[in-house]
């Protein structure tokens, strides 16, 4: 595999991760971190993207914190 092919795959993976994260932000507003995490995991599985569990948990916590910040405004 060439660097160009590898870079294309990396870009596609990054785009898939962004799409799943964006979907979780809009589809599970007000959800607890565990629910957000489940949504993220399903989205990553559906997209065929392997994301480490610690990263999924970190993303879920961030999405949950963002929701809390919006409520406080």
Protein backbone atom coordinates (compact mmCIF):
# COMPACT_ATOMS: atom_id res chain seq x y z
CA UNK A 1 0.00 0.00 0.00
CA UNK A 2 1.34 3.41 -0.89
CA UNK A 3 1.41 6.43 1.37
CA UNK A 4 -1.25 8.05 -0.79
CA UNK A 5 -3.60 5.06 -0.28
CA UNK A 6 -2.84 5.05 3.45
CA UNK A 7 -3.51 8.79 3.70
CA UNK A 8 -6.80 8.32 1.85
CA UNK A 9 -7.85 5.60 4.27
CA UNK A 10 -6.83 7.77 7.24
CA UNK A 11 -8.89 10.64 5.86
CA UNK A 12 -11.88 8.36 5.31
CA UNK A 13 -11.57 7.02 8.86
CA UNK A 14 -11.31 10.55 10.29
CA UNK A 15 -14.39 11.59 8.32
CA UNK A 16 -16.33 8.54 9.54
CA UNK A 17 -15.37 9.31 13.15
CA UNK A 18 -16.48 12.93 12.73
CA UNK A 19 -19.78 11.86 11.18
CA UNK A 20 -20.54 9.39 13.97
CA UNK A 21 -19.60 11.93 16.65
CA UNK A 22 -21.73 14.61 15.00
CA UNK A 23 -24.65 12.19 14.78
CA UNK A 24 -24.33 11.33 18.45
CA UNK A 25 -24.35 15.01 19.37
CA UNK A 26 -27.59 15.60 17.48
CA UNK A 27 -29.41 12.30 18.05
CA UNK A 28 -28.93 11.72 21.77
CA UNK A 29 -29.31 15.16 23.34
CA UNK A 30 -29.63 15.00 27.10
CA UNK A 31 -28.41 11.40 27.25
CA UNK A 32 -26.15 10.03 29.93
CA UNK A 33 -22.54 9.19 28.95
CA UNK A 34 -23.29 5.46 28.80
CA UNK A 35 -26.09 6.00 26.29
CA UNK A 36 -23.91 8.29 24.17
CA UNK A 37 -21.13 5.70 24.31
CA UNK A 38 -23.47 2.97 23.07
CA UNK A 39 -24.60 5.21 20.21
CA UNK A 40 -20.99 5.95 19.27
CA UNK A 41 -19.99 2.27 19.39
CA UNK A 42 -22.90 1.28 17.15
CA UNK A 43 -22.08 4.06 14.71
CA UNK A 44 -18.42 3.07 14.55
CA UNK A 45 -19.37 -0.58 14.04
CA UNK A 46 -21.80 0.37 11.26
CA UNK A 47 -19.10 2.51 9.62
CA UNK A 48 -16.51 -0.26 9.95
CA UNK A 49 -14.21 2.00 11.95
CA UNK A 50 -12.14 0.69 14.85
CA UNK A 51 -11.90 3.28 17.62
CA UNK A 52 -10.18 2.40 20.93
CA UNK A 53 -12.59 2.07 23.86
CA UNK A 54 -10.86 4.79 25.87
CA UNK A 55 -11.34 7.22 22.97
CA UNK A 56 -15.03 6.29 22.69
CA UNK A 57 -15.49 6.89 26.42
CA UNK A 58 -13.67 10.22 26.18
CA UNK A 59 -15.88 11.33 23.28
CA UNK A 60 -19.05 10.27 25.14
CA UNK A 61 -18.02 12.22 28.23
CA UNK A 62 -17.25 15.29 26.11
CA UNK A 63 -20.63 15.12 24.36
CA UNK A 64 -22.36 14.76 27.73
CA UNK A 65 -20.41 17.74 29.17
CA UNK A 66 -21.35 19.84 26.14
CA UNK A 67 -25.01 19.08 26.84
CA UNK A 68 -24.58 20.14 30.47
CA UNK A 69 -22.93 23.39 29.40
CA UNK A 70 -25.83 24.20 27.07
CA UNK A 71 -28.34 23.67 29.88
CA UNK A 72 -26.45 26.10 32.14
CA UNK A 73 -26.47 28.90 29.54
